[in-house]
N, C-alpha and C. Protein backbone atom coordinates (compact mmCIF):
# COMPACT_ATOMS: atom_id res chain seq x y z
N UNK A 1 121.18 94.11 41.30
CA UNK A 1 120.87 93.66 42.49
C UNK A 1 120.57 91.87 42.36
N UNK A 2 120.10 91.62 43.43
CA UNK A 2 119.52 90.31 43.53
C UNK A 2 118.30 89.79 42.57
N UNK A 3 117.97 88.65 42.43
CA UNK A 3 116.60 88.13 41.91
C UNK A 3 115.77 88.41 43.06
N UNK A 4 114.60 88.92 42.52
CA UNK A 4 113.17 89.07 43.26
C UNK A 4 112.24 87.96 42.77
N UNK A 5 111.56 87.33 43.18
CA UNK A 5 110.53 86.38 42.98
C UNK A 5 109.27 87.11 42.76
N UNK A 6 108.64 87.07 41.84
CA UNK A 6 106.91 87.66 41.78
C UNK A 6 106.17 86.48 41.97
N UNK A 7 104.84 86.84 41.85
CA UNK A 7 103.86 85.78 41.45
C UNK A 7 103.81 85.34 40.24
N UNK A 8 104.64 86.21 39.03
CA UNK A 8 104.55 85.66 37.74
C UNK A 8 106.16 85.01 37.51
N UNK A 9 106.92 85.00 38.51
CA UNK A 9 108.27 84.52 38.17
C UNK A 9 109.19 85.46 38.75
N UNK A 10 110.55 85.43 37.93
CA UNK A 10 111.58 86.43 38.39
C UNK A 10 111.26 87.87 37.95
N UNK A 11 111.27 88.70 38.77
CA UNK A 11 110.80 90.15 38.19
C UNK A 11 111.95 90.64 37.64
N UNK A 12 111.64 91.51 36.47
CA UNK A 12 112.92 92.06 35.74
C UNK A 12 112.26 93.37 35.45
N UNK A 13 113.31 94.52 35.61
CA UNK A 13 113.13 95.74 35.58
C UNK A 13 113.57 96.44 34.44
N UNK A 14 112.85 97.40 33.90
CA UNK A 14 113.87 98.29 32.95
C UNK A 14 114.04 99.48 33.38
N UNK A 15 114.70 100.83 32.87
CA UNK A 15 114.92 101.94 33.27
C UNK A 15 113.66 102.66 33.60
N UNK A 16 113.74 103.31 34.66
CA UNK A 16 112.48 103.97 35.56
C UNK A 16 112.19 104.10 36.91
N UNK A 17 111.35 104.74 37.27
CA UNK A 17 111.19 104.96 38.85
C UNK A 17 110.36 103.78 39.19
N UNK A 18 110.67 102.99 40.49
CA UNK A 18 110.15 101.82 40.47
C UNK A 18 109.79 102.35 42.24
N UNK A 19 108.57 101.85 42.47
CA UNK A 19 107.52 101.81 43.82
C UNK A 19 107.10 100.51 44.20
N UNK A 20 107.16 100.35 45.44
CA UNK A 20 106.67 99.16 45.80
C UNK A 20 105.77 99.67 47.18
N UNK A 21 104.23 98.88 46.93
CA UNK A 21 103.58 99.51 48.28
C UNK A 21 103.56 98.40 49.24
N UNK A 22 102.93 98.53 50.27
CA UNK A 22 102.79 97.74 51.72
C UNK A 22 102.53 96.38 51.32
N UNK A 23 101.71 96.09 50.36
CA UNK A 23 101.19 94.66 49.98
C UNK A 23 102.17 94.13 48.92
N UNK A 24 103.17 94.67 48.60
CA UNK A 24 104.24 93.78 47.73
C UNK A 24 104.14 94.46 46.32
N UNK A 25 103.26 95.17 45.86
CA UNK A 25 103.02 95.53 44.47
C UNK A 25 103.67 96.30 44.00
N UNK A 26 104.43 95.91 43.02
CA UNK A 26 105.79 96.77 42.45
C UNK A 26 105.23 97.49 41.01
N UNK A 27 105.31 98.86 41.10
CA UNK A 27 105.05 99.72 40.01
C UNK A 27 106.16 100.38 39.35
N UNK A 28 106.20 100.35 38.33
CA UNK A 28 107.73 101.16 37.45
C UNK A 28 106.82 102.07 36.58
N UNK A 29 107.17 103.24 36.39
CA UNK A 29 106.94 104.59 36.05
C UNK A 29 105.10 104.21 36.22
N UNK A 30 104.50 104.13 37.37
CA UNK A 30 103.24 104.17 37.52
C UNK A 30 102.33 103.01 37.09
N UNK A 31 103.08 101.86 36.25
CA UNK A 31 102.13 100.63 35.94
C UNK A 31 102.67 99.57 36.73
N UNK A 32 101.64 98.82 37.11
CA UNK A 32 101.81 97.62 37.97
C UNK A 32 102.37 96.23 37.19
N UNK A 33 103.67 96.12 37.62
CA UNK A 33 104.54 95.10 36.83
C UNK A 33 104.43 93.74 37.37
N UNK A 34 104.04 93.61 38.67
CA UNK A 34 103.85 92.14 39.52
C UNK A 34 103.59 92.59 40.75
N UNK A 35 103.64 91.23 41.51
CA UNK A 35 103.92 91.34 43.07
C UNK A 35 104.78 90.78 43.83
N UNK A 36 105.63 91.09 44.69
CA UNK A 36 106.62 90.46 45.35
C UNK A 36 105.47 89.01 46.06
N UNK A 37 106.60 87.91 45.61
CA UNK A 37 105.92 86.71 46.12
C UNK A 37 106.41 86.57 47.61
N UNK A 38 105.48 86.47 48.64
CA UNK A 38 106.14 86.19 50.02
C UNK A 38 105.32 84.92 50.48
N UNK A 39 106.42 83.91 50.98
CA UNK A 39 105.91 82.72 51.53
C UNK A 39 106.36 82.37 52.97
N UNK A 40 105.82 81.76 53.58
CA UNK A 40 106.60 81.14 55.13
C UNK A 40 106.40 79.51 54.75
N UNK A 41 107.59 79.28 55.68
CA UNK A 41 107.60 77.60 55.68
C UNK A 41 107.47 77.38 56.93
N UNK A 42 106.61 76.45 57.23
CA UNK A 42 106.32 75.76 58.36
C UNK A 42 106.97 75.33 59.45
N UNK A 43 108.40 75.06 58.83
CA UNK A 43 109.40 74.30 59.36
C UNK A 43 110.61 74.86 59.12
N UNK A 44 110.71 76.25 59.48
CA UNK A 44 112.18 77.38 59.36
C UNK A 44 113.49 76.40 59.51
N UNK A 45 113.42 75.51 60.87
CA UNK A 45 114.62 75.01 61.02
C UNK A 45 115.21 73.89 59.77
N UNK A 46 114.12 73.59 58.87
CA UNK A 46 114.64 72.74 57.94
C UNK A 46 115.14 73.43 56.69
N UNK A 47 115.55 74.86 56.54
CA UNK A 47 115.97 75.57 55.76
C UNK A 47 117.72 75.61 55.84
N UNK A 48 118.23 75.45 54.85
CA UNK A 48 119.59 75.58 54.46
C UNK A 48 120.34 76.72 54.27
N UNK A 49 121.25 77.22 54.60
CA UNK A 49 121.74 78.60 54.36
C UNK A 49 122.74 78.41 53.02
N UNK A 50 122.45 79.31 52.17
CA UNK A 50 123.40 79.39 50.45
C UNK A 50 123.68 81.03 50.59
N UNK A 51 124.79 80.93 50.56
CA UNK A 51 125.73 82.31 50.47
C UNK A 51 125.18 83.32 51.32
N UNK A 52 124.97 84.55 50.94
CA UNK A 52 124.27 85.49 51.63
C UNK A 52 123.17 85.94 51.58
N UNK A 53 122.50 85.73 52.84
CA UNK A 53 120.87 85.77 53.21
C UNK A 53 120.37 85.00 52.38
N UNK A 54 120.74 84.06 51.79
CA UNK A 54 119.99 83.22 50.98
C UNK A 54 119.74 81.66 51.67
N UNK A 55 118.17 81.36 51.68
CA UNK A 55 117.81 79.98 52.59
C UNK A 55 117.19 79.41 51.27
N UNK A 56 117.46 78.02 51.35
CA UNK A 56 116.66 76.89 50.51
C UNK A 56 116.34 76.07 51.35
N UNK A 57 115.06 75.50 50.93
CA UNK A 57 114.56 74.08 51.92
C UNK A 57 115.65 73.03 51.73
N UNK A 58 115.91 72.26 52.75
CA UNK A 58 116.52 71.05 52.73
C UNK A 58 115.75 69.63 51.79
N UNK A 59 114.56 70.14 52.08
CA UNK A 59 113.89 69.05 51.06
C UNK A 59 113.05 69.68 50.13
N UNK A 60 113.61 69.52 48.75
CA UNK A 60 113.01 70.39 47.66
C UNK A 60 111.32 70.19 47.55
N UNK A 61 110.77 69.11 47.92
CA UNK A 61 109.17 69.01 47.79
C UNK A 61 108.66 69.63 49.06
N UNK A 62 109.27 70.17 49.90
CA UNK A 62 108.63 70.81 51.09
C UNK A 62 107.58 71.96 50.26
N UNK A 63 106.55 72.22 51.13
CA UNK A 63 105.56 73.04 50.84
C UNK A 63 105.81 74.32 51.73
N UNK A 64 105.45 75.24 51.05
CA UNK A 64 105.50 76.95 51.45
C UNK A 64 103.81 77.04 51.80
N UNK A 65 103.79 78.05 52.59
CA UNK A 65 102.34 78.66 52.97
C UNK A 65 102.23 80.04 52.95
N UNK A 66 101.39 80.61 52.53
CA UNK A 66 101.10 82.46 52.21
C UNK A 66 101.07 82.59 53.91
N UNK A 67 101.41 83.57 54.12
CA UNK A 67 101.40 84.14 55.56
C UNK A 67 100.03 84.96 55.87
N UNK A 68 99.62 84.74 56.90
CA UNK A 68 98.29 85.59 57.14
C UNK A 68 98.36 87.17 56.93
N UNK A 69 99.43 87.74 57.14
CA UNK A 69 99.69 89.14 57.28
C UNK A 69 100.94 89.24 56.83
N UNK A 70 101.39 90.50 56.46
CA UNK A 70 102.76 90.87 56.13
C UNK A 70 102.61 92.37 55.86
N UNK A 71 103.92 93.21 55.76
CA UNK A 71 103.68 94.37 55.17
C UNK A 71 105.36 94.61 54.57
N UNK A 72 105.34 95.14 53.70
CA UNK A 72 106.61 95.58 52.87
C UNK A 72 106.94 96.89 52.67
N UNK A 73 107.87 97.25 53.38
CA UNK A 73 108.36 98.79 53.20
C UNK A 73 109.77 98.79 52.17
N UNK A 74 109.22 99.87 51.31
CA UNK A 74 110.60 100.44 50.55
C UNK A 74 111.32 101.46 51.24
N UNK A 75 112.53 101.03 50.93
CA UNK A 75 113.50 102.11 51.44
C UNK A 75 113.98 102.17 52.83
N UNK A 76 113.29 100.95 53.52
CA UNK A 76 113.59 100.82 54.99
C UNK A 76 114.92 99.90 55.03
N UNK A 77 115.73 99.98 56.22
CA UNK A 77 116.75 98.99 56.64
C UNK A 77 116.16 98.09 57.85
N UNK A 78 116.90 97.25 57.60
CA UNK A 78 116.37 96.00 58.70
C UNK A 78 117.08 96.46 60.08
N UNK A 79 116.86 96.28 61.26
CA UNK A 79 117.52 96.61 62.36
C UNK A 79 118.48 95.64 62.78
N UNK A 80 119.51 95.64 63.38
CA UNK A 80 120.46 94.71 63.55
C UNK A 80 119.97 93.51 64.77
N UNK A 81 120.25 92.52 64.67
CA UNK A 81 119.79 91.72 65.91
C UNK A 81 120.74 91.23 66.91
N UNK A 82 121.57 92.19 66.95
CA UNK A 82 122.63 92.02 68.09
C UNK A 82 122.57 93.20 68.66
N UNK A 83 122.90 93.23 70.11
CA UNK A 83 123.34 94.53 70.93
C UNK A 83 124.92 94.58 70.60
N UNK A 84 125.18 96.02 70.08
CA UNK A 84 126.74 96.12 69.94
C UNK A 84 127.45 96.39 71.10
N UNK A 85 127.02 97.09 72.12
CA UNK A 85 127.67 96.74 73.47
C UNK A 85 127.77 95.64 74.10
N UNK A 86 126.90 94.99 74.26
CA UNK A 86 127.11 93.39 75.06
C UNK A 86 128.35 92.69 73.80
N UNK A 87 128.39 92.79 72.46
CA UNK A 87 129.10 92.08 71.63
C UNK A 87 130.57 92.43 71.99
N UNK A 88 130.62 93.75 72.18
CA UNK A 88 132.06 94.58 72.41
C UNK A 88 132.45 94.08 73.57
N UNK A 89 131.62 93.99 74.69
CA UNK A 89 132.04 93.65 75.96
C UNK A 89 132.30 91.99 76.19
N UNK A 90 131.64 91.36 75.29
CA UNK A 90 132.04 89.74 75.07
C UNK A 90 133.21 89.47 74.34
N UNK A 91 133.52 90.41 73.14
CA UNK A 91 134.77 90.57 72.65
C UNK A 91 135.99 90.44 73.54
N UNK A 92 135.78 91.81 74.25
CA UNK A 92 136.94 92.37 75.28
C UNK A 92 136.95 90.86 76.56
N UNK A 93 136.11 90.49 76.80
CA UNK A 93 136.15 89.51 77.92
C UNK A 93 137.15 88.18 77.11
N UNK A 94 136.68 87.68 75.80
CA UNK A 94 137.49 86.68 75.37
C UNK A 94 139.01 87.10 74.93
N UNK A 95 138.76 88.20 74.58
CA UNK A 95 140.39 88.80 74.28
C UNK A 95 141.17 88.73 75.68
N UNK A 96 140.50 89.07 76.82
CA UNK A 96 141.33 88.78 78.07
C UNK A 96 141.58 87.77 78.50
N UNK A 97 140.63 86.66 78.21
CA UNK A 97 140.76 85.25 78.83
C UNK A 97 142.11 84.65 77.83
N UNK A 98 141.93 85.09 76.42
CA UNK A 98 142.95 84.50 75.47
C UNK A 98 144.48 84.94 76.04
N UNK A 99 144.55 86.34 76.53
CA UNK A 99 145.54 86.67 76.93
C UNK A 99 146.25 86.05 78.17
N UNK A 100 145.33 85.68 79.12
CA UNK A 100 145.86 84.98 80.29
C UNK A 100 146.05 83.77 80.23
N UNK A 101 145.55 82.82 79.12
CA UNK A 101 145.65 81.73 78.52
C UNK A 101 147.15 81.58 78.09
N UNK A 102 147.46 82.81 77.29
CA UNK A 102 148.69 82.93 76.66
C UNK A 102 149.80 82.90 77.49
N UNK A 103 149.31 83.89 78.75
CA UNK A 103 150.73 84.10 79.80
C UNK A 103 150.96 82.59 80.51
N UNK A 104 149.97 82.09 80.99
CA UNK A 104 149.69 80.65 81.69
C UNK A 104 150.91 79.72 80.76
N UNK A 105 150.72 79.79 79.23
CA UNK A 105 151.46 78.88 78.69
C UNK A 105 153.16 79.21 78.57
N UNK A 106 153.17 80.50 78.44
CA UNK A 106 154.48 81.28 78.71
C UNK A 106 155.15 80.79 79.89
N UNK A 107 154.56 81.07 81.05
CA UNK A 107 155.00 80.59 82.32
C UNK A 107 155.23 79.26 82.57
N UNK A 108 154.26 78.60 81.87
CA UNK A 108 154.71 76.80 82.10
C UNK A 108 155.80 76.47 81.06
N UNK A 109 156.04 77.22 80.05
CA UNK A 109 157.16 77.05 79.21
C UNK A 109 158.56 77.43 79.85
N UNK A 110 158.66 78.45 80.62
CA UNK A 110 159.67 79.09 81.26
C UNK A 110 160.19 77.68 82.67
N UNK A 111 159.01 77.37 83.22
CA UNK A 111 158.92 76.40 84.25
C UNK A 111 159.59 75.17 83.81
N UNK A 112 159.08 74.77 82.43
CA UNK A 112 159.77 73.67 81.94
C UNK A 112 161.17 73.62 81.44
N UNK A 113 161.68 75.02 81.03
CA UNK A 113 162.90 75.21 80.34
C UNK A 113 163.95 75.15 81.84
N UNK A 114 163.45 75.70 82.86
CA UNK A 114 164.43 75.78 83.89
C UNK A 114 164.44 74.03 84.20
N UNK A 115 163.43 73.62 84.45
CA UNK A 115 163.50 72.03 84.98
C UNK A 115 164.32 71.18 83.96
N UNK A 116 164.58 71.72 82.65
CA UNK A 116 165.35 70.87 81.75
C UNK A 116 166.73 71.36 82.10
N UNK A 117 167.21 72.76 82.02
CA UNK A 117 168.10 73.13 82.50
C UNK A 117 168.97 72.36 83.67
N UNK A 118 168.25 72.58 85.00
CA UNK A 118 168.34 72.04 86.00
C UNK A 118 168.76 70.53 86.25
N UNK A 119 168.07 69.93 85.29
CA UNK A 119 168.16 68.44 85.30
C UNK A 119 169.43 67.72 84.34
N UNK A 120 169.84 68.72 83.67
CA UNK A 120 170.84 68.43 82.28
C UNK A 120 172.42 68.81 83.36
N UNK A 121 172.19 69.16 84.33
CA UNK A 121 173.42 69.60 85.30
C UNK A 121 174.01 68.54 85.79
N UNK A 122 173.22 67.42 86.14
CA UNK A 122 173.41 66.51 86.91
C UNK A 122 173.95 65.39 85.98
């Protein structure tokens, strides 16, 4: 999996059962091994995307702050931030607009071909 940063640095696991509570404390085989480090960026718009779901500060000297509150949930999936029905409608609309544009170009092409053929007879 991906690296997870804890309060003591990169968290490494050995074999065994892993549990994470809502405060981010990581237990392996019932023993506390570390706590997930959760930070907030005062200027999130200054983050740059790196790879899949990774973000780094544009300025390496930028400061992070600890959030006032957070809850970590083990085994949960994050909900999608898009409405699939609206996106499907949008995709169909774009596809239809593309088809209309393509037809207009074909009509213009045929018109130009007729003009060229007619003018070449003179």
